[in-house]
């Protein structure tokens, strides 16, 4: 079963209540929030109403919160090989 990975990229502030209601129904309350929904015509219709605000990809399985955090965590830019003992 495939899923839609929906991420809110732009804010819904100042948009009509109809648009903000769709965002609320999808569970997108703040920017960069990601939710997963099964691929259905109903969800596809909701996505089409807010297509300018969201980024959608189709994935095989939803990621857990820990997996999402791991993908967003930046590389520190350095590696500690060993610590100095005194």
PDB file of N, CA and C in Angstrom:
ATOM      1  N   UNK A   1       0.845  -1.175   0.000  1.00  0.00           N
ATOM      2  CA  UNK A   1       0.000   0.000   0.000  1.00  0.00           C
ATOM      3  C   UNK A   1       0.892   1.240   0.000  1.00  0.00           C
ATOM      4  N   UNK A   2       0.576   2.199  -0.822  1.00  0.00           N
ATOM      5  CA  UNK A   2       1.382   3.409  -0.892  1.00  0.00           C
ATOM      6  C   UNK A   2       0.696   4.547  -0.129  1.00  0.00           C
ATOM      7  N   UNK A   3       1.525   5.520   0.236  1.00  0.00           N
ATOM      8  CA  UNK A   3       1.070   6.643   1.044  1.00  0.00           C
ATOM      9  C   UNK A   3       1.490   7.951   0.399  1.00  0.00           C
ATOM     10  N   UNK A   4       0.728   9.017   0.679  1.00  0.00           N
ATOM     11  CA  UNK A   4       1.129  10.366   0.337  1.00  0.00           C
ATOM     12  C   UNK A   4       1.930  10.912   1.506  1.00  0.00           C
ATOM     13  N   UNK A   5       3.104  11.445   1.224  1.00  0.00           N
ATOM     14  CA  UNK A   5       3.872  12.169   2.232  1.00  0.00           C
ATOM     15  C   UNK A   5       3.630  13.641   1.946  1.00  0.00           C
ATOM     16  N   UNK A   6       2.918  14.323   2.844  1.00  0.00           N
ATOM     17  CA  UNK A   6       2.496  15.706   2.642  1.00  0.00           C
ATOM     18  C   UNK A   6       3.228  16.592   3.639  1.00  0.00           C
ATOM     19  N   UNK A   7       3.954  17.591   3.127  1.00  0.00           N
ATOM     20  CA  UNK A   7       4.687  18.524   3.969  1.00  0.00           C
ATOM     21  C   UNK A   7       4.196  19.935   3.671  1.00  0.00           C
ATOM     22  N   UNK A   8       3.844  20.669   4.711  1.00  0.00           N
ATOM     23  CA  UNK A   8       3.395  22.054   4.555  1.00  0.00           C
ATOM     24  C   UNK A   8       4.621  22.941   4.373  1.00  0.00           C
ATOM     25  N   UNK A   9       4.750  23.546   3.202  1.00  0.00           N
ATOM     26  CA  UNK A   9       5.912  24.373   2.885  1.00  0.00           C
ATOM     27  C   UNK A   9       5.638  25.862   3.079  1.00  0.00           C
ATOM     28  N   UNK A  10       4.403  26.287   2.837  1.00  0.00           N
ATOM     29  CA  UNK A  10       4.045  27.699   2.979  1.00  0.00           C
ATOM     30  C   UNK A  10       2.888  27.824   3.950  1.00  0.00           C
ATOM     31  N   UNK A  11       2.845  28.918   4.650  1.00  0.00           N
ATOM     32  CA  UNK A  11       1.830  29.145   5.667  1.00  0.00           C
ATOM     33  C   UNK A  11       0.465  29.440   5.045  1.00  0.00           C
ATOM     34  N   UNK A  12      -0.584  29.088   5.778  1.00  0.00           N
ATOM     35  CA  UNK A  12      -1.941  29.361   5.332  1.00  0.00           C
ATOM     36  C   UNK A  12      -2.513  30.629   5.925  1.00  0.00           C
ATOM     37  N   UNK A  13      -1.688  31.468   6.536  1.00  0.00           N
ATOM     38  CA  UNK A  13      -2.155  32.705   7.161  1.00  0.00           C
ATOM     39  C   UNK A  13      -2.665  33.651   6.080  1.00  0.00           C
ATOM     40  N   UNK A  14      -3.838  34.214   6.307  1.00  0.00           N
ATOM     41  CA  UNK A  14      -4.403  35.186   5.388  1.00  0.00           C
ATOM     42  C   UNK A  14      -5.168  34.586   4.229  1.00  0.00           C
ATOM     43  N   UNK A  15      -5.247  33.276   4.169  1.00  0.00           N
ATOM     44  CA  UNK A  15      -5.988  32.619   3.097  1.00  0.00           C
ATOM     45  C   UNK A  15      -7.429  32.390   3.532  1.00  0.00           C
ATOM     46  N   UNK A  16      -8.329  32.117   2.593  1.00  0.00           N
ATOM     47  CA  UNK A  16      -9.734  31.906   2.950  1.00  0.00           C
ATOM     48  C   UNK A  16      -9.920  30.749   3.933  1.00  0.00           C
ATOM     49  N   UNK A  17     -11.037  30.782   4.646  1.00  0.00           N
ATOM     50  CA  UNK A  17     -11.320  29.748   5.647  1.00  0.00           C
ATOM     51  C   UNK A  17     -11.397  28.362   5.022  1.00  0.00           C
ATOM     52  N   UNK A  18     -11.816  28.310   3.781  1.00  0.00           N
ATOM     53  CA  UNK A  18     -11.914  27.015   3.099  1.00  0.00           C
ATOM     54  C   UNK A  18     -10.537  26.350   2.991  1.00  0.00           C
ATOM     55  N   UNK A  19      -9.530  27.138   2.669  1.00  0.00           N
ATOM     56  CA  UNK A  19      -8.167  26.610   2.536  1.00  0.00           C
ATOM     57  C   UNK A  19      -7.612  26.243   3.909  1.00  0.00           C
ATOM     58  N   UNK A  20      -7.801  27.128   4.885  1.00  0.00           N
ATOM     59  CA  UNK A  20      -7.287  26.822   6.219  1.00  0.00           C
ATOM     60  C   UNK A  20      -8.015  25.630   6.831  1.00  0.00           C
ATOM     61  N   UNK A  21      -9.279  25.436   6.474  1.00  0.00           N
ATOM     62  CA  UNK A  21     -10.005  24.261   6.944  1.00  0.00           C
ATOM     63  C   UNK A  21      -9.457  22.969   6.366  1.00  0.00           C
ATOM     64  N   UNK A  22      -9.047  23.000   5.104  1.00  0.00           N
ATOM     65  CA  UNK A  22      -8.450  21.812   4.482  1.00  0.00           C
ATOM     66  C   UNK A  22      -7.114  21.495   5.149  1.00  0.00           C
ATOM     67  N   UNK A  23      -6.310  22.531   5.436  1.00  0.00           N
ATOM     68  CA  UNK A  23      -5.037  22.295   6.117  1.00  0.00           C
ATOM     69  C   UNK A  23      -5.258  21.698   7.498  1.00  0.00           C
ATOM     70  N   UNK A  24      -6.258  22.199   8.201  1.00  0.00           N
ATOM     71  CA  UNK A  24      -6.558  21.666   9.527  1.00  0.00           C
ATOM     72  C   UNK A  24      -7.044  20.226   9.437  1.00  0.00           C
ATOM     73  N   UNK A  25      -7.852  19.916   8.427  1.00  0.00           N
ATOM     74  CA  UNK A  25      -8.354  18.549   8.253  1.00  0.00           C
ATOM     75  C   UNK A  25      -7.221  17.572   7.928  1.00  0.00           C
ATOM     76  N   UNK A  26      -6.212  18.061   7.216  1.00  0.00           N
ATOM     77  CA  UNK A  26      -5.061  17.207   6.903  1.00  0.00           C
ATOM     78  C   UNK A  26      -4.099  17.084   8.078  1.00  0.00           C
ATOM     79  N   UNK A  27      -4.273  17.895   9.105  1.00  0.00           N
ATOM     80  CA  UNK A  27      -3.393  17.839  10.267  1.00  0.00           C
ATOM     81  C   UNK A  27      -2.136  18.667  10.107  1.00  0.00           C
ATOM     82  N   UNK A  28      -2.167  19.631   9.193  1.00  0.00           N
ATOM     83  CA  UNK A  28      -1.006  20.491   8.946  1.00  0.00           C
ATOM     84  C   UNK A  28      -1.219  21.814   9.660  1.00  0.00           C
ATOM     85  N   UNK A  29      -0.617  21.977  10.817  1.00  0.00           N
ATOM     86  CA  UNK A  29      -0.837  23.164  11.617  1.00  0.00           C
ATOM     87  C   UNK A  29       0.331  24.136  11.579  1.00  0.00           C
ATOM     88  N   UNK A  30       1.530  23.664  11.286  1.00  0.00           N
ATOM     89  CA  UNK A  30       2.682  24.554  11.221  1.00  0.00           C
ATOM     90  C   UNK A  30       3.566  24.185  10.041  1.00  0.00           C
ATOM     91  N   UNK A  31       4.377  25.133   9.615  1.00  0.00           N
ATOM     92  CA  UNK A  31       5.259  24.892   8.469  1.00  0.00           C
ATOM     93  C   UNK A  31       6.227  23.766   8.762  1.00  0.00           C
ATOM     94  N   UNK A  32       6.596  23.043   7.711  1.00  0.00           N
ATOM     95  CA  UNK A  32       7.528  21.923   7.755  1.00  0.00           C
ATOM     96  C   UNK A  32       6.988  20.719   8.522  1.00  0.00           C
ATOM     97  N   UNK A  33       5.702  20.699   8.799  1.00  0.00           N
ATOM     98  CA  UNK A  33       5.061  19.540   9.421  1.00  0.00           C
ATOM     99  C   UNK A  33       4.790  18.522   8.324  1.00  0.00           C
ATOM    100  N   UNK A  34       5.052  17.258   8.602  1.00  0.00           N
ATOM    101  CA  UNK A  34       4.863  16.196   7.621  1.00  0.00           C
ATOM    102  C   UNK A  34       3.845  15.202   8.152  1.00  0.00           C
ATOM    103  N   UNK A  35       2.889  14.832   7.305  1.00  0.00           N
ATOM    104  CA  UNK A  35       1.893  13.817   7.651  1.00  0.00           C
ATOM    105  C   UNK A  35       1.832  12.788   6.533  1.00  0.00           C
ATOM    106  N   UNK A  36       1.336  11.617   6.853  1.00  0.00           N
ATOM    107  CA  UNK A  36       1.193  10.530   5.887  1.00  0.00           C
ATOM    108  C   UNK A  36      -0.268  10.101   5.824  1.00  0.00           C
ATOM    109  N   UNK A  37      -0.765   9.933   4.597  1.00  0.00           N
ATOM    110  CA  UNK A  37      -2.126   9.456   4.375  1.00  0.00           C
ATOM    111  C   UNK A  37      -2.095   8.406   3.272  1.00  0.00           C
ATOM    112  N   UNK A  38      -2.957   7.388   3.370  1.00  0.00           N
ATOM    113  CA  UNK A  38      -3.039   6.418   2.283  1.00  0.00           C
ATOM    114  C   UNK A  38      -3.521   7.090   0.994  1.00  0.00           C
ATOM    115  N   UNK A  39      -3.113   6.546  -0.136  1.00  0.00           N
ATOM    116  CA  UNK A  39      -3.497   7.102  -1.423  1.00  0.00           C
ATOM    117  C   UNK A  39      -4.968   6.775  -1.674  1.00  0.00           C
ATOM    118  N   UNK A  40      -5.814   7.808  -1.616  1.00  0.00           N
ATOM    119  CA  UNK A  40      -7.242   7.683  -1.901  1.00  0.00           C
ATOM    120  C   UNK A  40      -7.677   8.903  -2.695  1.00  0.00           C
ATOM    121  N   UNK A  41      -8.781   8.795  -3.425  1.00  0.00           N
ATOM    122  CA  UNK A  41      -9.275   9.966  -4.169  1.00  0.00           C
ATOM    123  C   UNK A  41      -9.664  11.135  -3.256  1.00  0.00           C
ATOM    124  N   UNK A  42     -10.152  10.834  -2.050  1.00  0.00           N
ATOM    125  CA  UNK A  42     -10.557  11.899  -1.131  1.00  0.00           C
ATOM    126  C   UNK A  42      -9.360  12.733  -0.696  1.00  0.00           C
ATOM    127  N   UNK A  43      -8.277  12.070  -0.333  1.00  0.00           N
ATOM    128  CA  UNK A  43      -7.078  12.784   0.094  1.00  0.00           C
ATOM    129  C   UNK A  43      -6.467  13.530  -1.094  1.00  0.00           C
ATOM    130  N   UNK A  44      -6.503  12.934  -2.275  1.00  0.00           N
ATOM    131  CA  UNK A  44      -5.978  13.597  -3.470  1.00  0.00           C
ATOM    132  C   UNK A  44      -6.759  14.884  -3.754  1.00  0.00           C
ATOM    133  N   UNK A  45      -8.061  14.871  -3.530  1.00  0.00           N
ATOM    134  CA  UNK A  45      -8.874  16.072  -3.721  1.00  0.00           C
ATOM    135  C   UNK A  45      -8.518  17.160  -2.733  1.00  0.00           C
ATOM    136  N   UNK A  46      -8.248  16.776  -1.484  1.00  0.00           N
ATOM    137  CA  UNK A  46      -7.835  17.763  -0.486  1.00  0.00           C
ATOM    138  C   UNK A  46      -6.478  18.364  -0.841  1.00  0.00           C
ATOM    139  N   UNK A  47      -5.583  17.516  -1.330  1.00  0.00           N
ATOM    140  CA  UNK A  47      -4.257  18.010  -1.724  1.00  0.00           C
ATOM    141  C   UNK A  47      -4.381  19.009  -2.868  1.00  0.00           C
ATOM    142  N   UNK A  48      -5.263  18.741  -3.814  1.00  0.00           N
ATOM    143  CA  UNK A  48      -5.427  19.652  -4.958  1.00  0.00           C
ATOM    144  C   UNK A  48      -5.927  21.027  -4.528  1.00  0.00           C
ATOM    145  N   UNK A  49      -6.662  21.106  -3.423  1.00  0.00           N
ATOM    146  CA  UNK A  49      -7.153  22.399  -2.949  1.00  0.00           C
ATOM    147  C   UNK A  49      -6.047  23.253  -2.344  1.00  0.00           C
ATOM    148  N   UNK A  50      -4.977  22.613  -1.874  1.00  0.00           N
ATOM    149  CA  UNK A  50      -3.885  23.357  -1.234  1.00  0.00           C
ATOM    150  C   UNK A  50      -2.544  23.053  -1.908  1.00  0.00           C
ATOM    151  N   UNK A  51      -2.581  22.741  -3.194  1.00  0.00           N
ATOM    152  CA  UNK A  51      -1.380  22.292  -3.903  1.00  0.00           C
ATOM    153  C   UNK A  51      -0.274  23.333  -3.934  1.00  0.00           C
ATOM    154  N   UNK A  52      -0.604  24.624  -3.804  1.00  0.00           N
ATOM    155  CA  UNK A  52       0.410  25.667  -3.825  1.00  0.00           C
ATOM    156  C   UNK A  52       1.158  25.760  -2.505  1.00  0.00           C
ATOM    157  N   UNK A  53       0.600  25.182  -1.455  1.00  0.00           N
ATOM    158  CA  UNK A  53       1.170  25.323  -0.122  1.00  0.00           C
ATOM    159  C   UNK A  53       1.945  24.096   0.337  1.00  0.00           C
ATOM    160  N   UNK A  54       1.726  22.953  -0.303  1.00  0.00           N
ATOM    161  CA  UNK A  54       2.299  21.702   0.200  1.00  0.00           C
ATOM    162  C   UNK A  54       3.234  21.077  -0.822  1.00  0.00           C
ATOM    163  N   UNK A  55       4.071  20.171  -0.327  1.00  0.00           N
ATOM    164  CA  UNK A  55       4.922  19.350  -1.179  1.00  0.00           C
ATOM    165  C   UNK A  55       4.489  17.906  -0.952  1.00  0.00           C
ATOM    166  N   UNK A  56       4.196  17.197  -2.029  1.00  0.00           N
ATOM    167  CA  UNK A  56       3.650  15.844  -1.923  1.00  0.00           C
ATOM    168  C   UNK A  56       4.547  14.874  -2.665  1.00  0.00           C
ATOM    169  N   UNK A  57       4.847  13.764  -2.002  1.00  0.00           N
ATOM    170  CA  UNK A  57       5.544  12.651  -2.644  1.00  0.00           C
ATOM    171  C   UNK A  57       4.817  11.370  -2.289  1.00  0.00           C
ATOM    172  N   UNK A  58       4.954  10.377  -3.132  1.00  0.00           N
ATOM    173  CA  UNK A  58       4.318   9.092  -2.876  1.00  0.00           C
ATOM    174  C   UNK A  58       5.391   8.124  -2.378  1.00  0.00           C
ATOM    175  N   UNK A  59       5.153   7.531  -1.200  1.00  0.00           N
ATOM    176  CA  UNK A  59       6.118   6.633  -0.579  1.00  0.00           C
ATOM    177  C   UNK A  59       5.456   5.286  -0.299  1.00  0.00           C
ATOM    178  N   UNK A  60       6.292   4.266  -0.079  1.00  0.00           N
ATOM    179  CA  UNK A  60       5.766   2.925   0.177  1.00  0.00           C
ATOM    180  C   UNK A  60       5.262   2.741   1.591  1.00  0.00           C
ATOM    181  N   UNK A  61       5.955   3.353   2.565  1.00  0.00           N
ATOM    182  CA  UNK A  61       5.523   3.218   3.957  1.00  0.00           C
ATOM    183  C   UNK A  61       5.794   4.522   4.693  1.00  0.00           C
ATOM    184  N   UNK A  62       4.980   4.839   5.696  1.00  0.00           N
ATOM    185  CA  UNK A  62       5.206   6.076   6.449  1.00  0.00           C
ATOM    186  C   UNK A  62       6.426   5.951   7.352  1.00  0.00           C
ATOM    187  N   UNK A  63       7.099   7.070   7.574  1.00  0.00           N
ATOM    188  CA  UNK A  63       8.257   7.102   8.467  1.00  0.00           C
ATOM    189  C   UNK A  63       7.799   7.413   9.883  1.00  0.00           C
ATOM    190  N   UNK A  64       8.538   6.905  10.856  1.00  0.00           N
ATOM    191  CA  UNK A  64       8.248   7.236  12.247  1.00  0.00           C
ATOM    192  C   UNK A  64       8.800   8.626  12.543  1.00  0.00           C
ATOM    193  N   UNK A  65       8.439   9.164  13.689  1.00  0.00           N
ATOM    194  CA  UNK A  65       8.904  10.490  14.075  1.00  0.00           C
ATOM    195  C   UNK A  65      10.422  10.495  14.220  1.00  0.00           C
ATOM    196  N   UNK A  66      10.978   9.412  14.776  1.00  0.00           N
ATOM    197  CA  UNK A  66      12.430   9.342  14.943  1.00  0.00           C
ATOM    198  C   UNK A  66      13.139   9.310  13.589  1.00  0.00           C
ATOM    199  N   UNK A  67      12.579   8.606  12.618  1.00  0.00           N
ATOM    200  CA  UNK A  67      13.176   8.559  11.281  1.00  0.00           C
ATOM    201  C   UNK A  67      13.126   9.930  10.603  1.00  0.00           C
ATOM    202  N   UNK A  68      12.014  10.649  10.780  1.00  0.00           N
ATOM    203  CA  UNK A  68      11.907  11.999  10.219  1.00  0.00           C
ATOM    204  C   UNK A  68      12.947  12.932  10.826  1.00  0.00           C
ATOM    205  N   UNK A  69      13.126  12.851  12.141  1.00  0.00           N
ATOM    206  CA  UNK A  69      14.113  13.701  12.805  1.00  0.00           C
ATOM    207  C   UNK A  69      15.519  13.375  12.329  1.00  0.00           C
ATOM    208  N   UNK A  70      15.800  12.104  12.110  1.00  0.00           N
ATOM    209  CA  UNK A  70      17.130  11.699  11.660  1.00  0.00           C
ATOM    210  C   UNK A  70      17.420  12.236  10.257  1.00  0.00           C
ATOM    211  N   UNK A  71      16.410  12.284   9.391  1.00  0.00           N
ATOM    212  CA  UNK A  71      16.634  12.805   8.043  1.00  0.00           C
ATOM    213  C   UNK A  71      16.841  14.311   8.049  1.00  0.00           C
ATOM    214  N   UNK A  72      16.264  15.011   9.020  1.00  0.00           N
ATOM    215  CA  UNK A  72      16.379  16.467   9.079  1.00  0.00           C
ATOM    216  C   UNK A  72      17.601  16.933   9.858  1.00  0.00           C
ATOM    217  N   UNK A  73      18.222  16.031  10.620  1.00  0.00           N
ATOM    218  CA  UNK A  73      19.370  16.413  11.427  1.00  0.00           C
ATOM    219  C   UNK A  73      20.568  16.688  10.523  1.00  0.00           C
ATOM    220  N   UNK A  74      21.149  17.876  10.616  1.00  0.00           N
ATOM    221  CA  UNK A  74      22.269  18.193   9.725  1.00  0.00           C
ATOM    222  C   UNK A  74      23.536  17.458  10.136  1.00  0.00           C
ATOM    223  N   UNK A  75      24.432  17.284   9.183  1.00  0.00           N
ATOM    224  CA  UNK A  75      25.731  16.704   9.434  1.00  0.00           C
ATOM    225  C   UNK A  75      26.536  17.697  10.269  1.00  0.00           C
ATOM    226  N   UNK A  76      27.202  17.266  11.349  1.00  0.00           N
ATOM    227  CA  UNK A  76      27.915  18.226  12.194  1.00  0.00           C
ATOM    228  C   UNK A  76      29.092  18.892  11.498  1.00  0.00           C
ATOM    229  N   UNK A  77      29.616  18.289  10.433  1.00  0.00           N
ATOM    230  CA  UNK A  77      30.725  18.896   9.721  1.00  0.00           C
ATOM    231  C   UNK A  77      32.080  18.432  10.216  1.00  0.00           C
ATOM    232  N   UNK A  78      32.095  17.650  11.282  1.00  0.00           N
ATOM    233  CA  UNK A  78      33.354  17.139  11.800  1.00  0.00           C
ATOM    234  C   UNK A  78      33.092  15.810  12.512  1.00  0.00           C
ATOM    235  N   UNK A  79      34.140  15.063  12.750  1.00  0.00           N
ATOM    236  CA  UNK A  79      34.048  13.789  13.455  1.00  0.00           C
ATOM    237  C   UNK A  79      35.097  13.750  14.554  1.00  0.00           C
ATOM    238  N   UNK A  80      34.711  13.276  15.720  1.00  0.00           N
ATOM    239  CA  UNK A  80      35.635  13.138  16.837  1.00  0.00           C
ATOM    240  C   UNK A  80      36.199  11.725  16.767  1.00  0.00           C
ATOM    241  N   UNK A  81      37.509  11.612  16.494  1.00  0.00           N
ATOM    242  CA  UNK A  81      38.128  10.302  16.386  1.00  0.00           C
ATOM    243  C   UNK A  81      38.439   9.725  17.752  1.00  0.00           C
ATOM    244  N   UNK A  82      38.953  10.530  18.625  1.00  0.00           N
ATOM    245  CA  UNK A  82      39.229  10.070  19.989  1.00  0.00           C
ATOM    246  C   UNK A  82      39.300  11.287  20.891  1.00  0.00           C
ATOM    247  N   UNK A  83      39.100  11.064  22.157  1.00  0.00           N
ATOM    248  CA  UNK A  83      39.185  12.156  23.115  1.00  0.00           C
ATOM    249  C   UNK A  83      40.547  12.142  23.779  1.00  0.00           C
ATOM    250  N   UNK A  84      40.974  13.274  24.244  1.00  0.00           N
ATOM    251  CA  UNK A  84      42.272  13.403  24.891  1.00  0.00           C
ATOM    252  C   UNK A  84      42.080  13.144  26.373  1.00  0.00           C
ATOM    253  N   UNK A  85      42.878  12.205  26.907  1.00  0.00           N
ATOM    254  CA  UNK A  85      42.807  11.905  28.343  1.00  0.00           C
ATOM    255  C   UNK A  85      43.951  12.606  29.050  1.00  0.00           C
ATOM    256  N   UNK A  86      43.633  13.103  30.224  1.00  0.00           N
ATOM    257  CA  UNK A  86      44.682  13.798  30.990  1.00  0.00           C
ATOM    258  C   UNK A  86      44.941  13.126  32.297  1.00  0.00           C
TER     259      UNK A  86
END
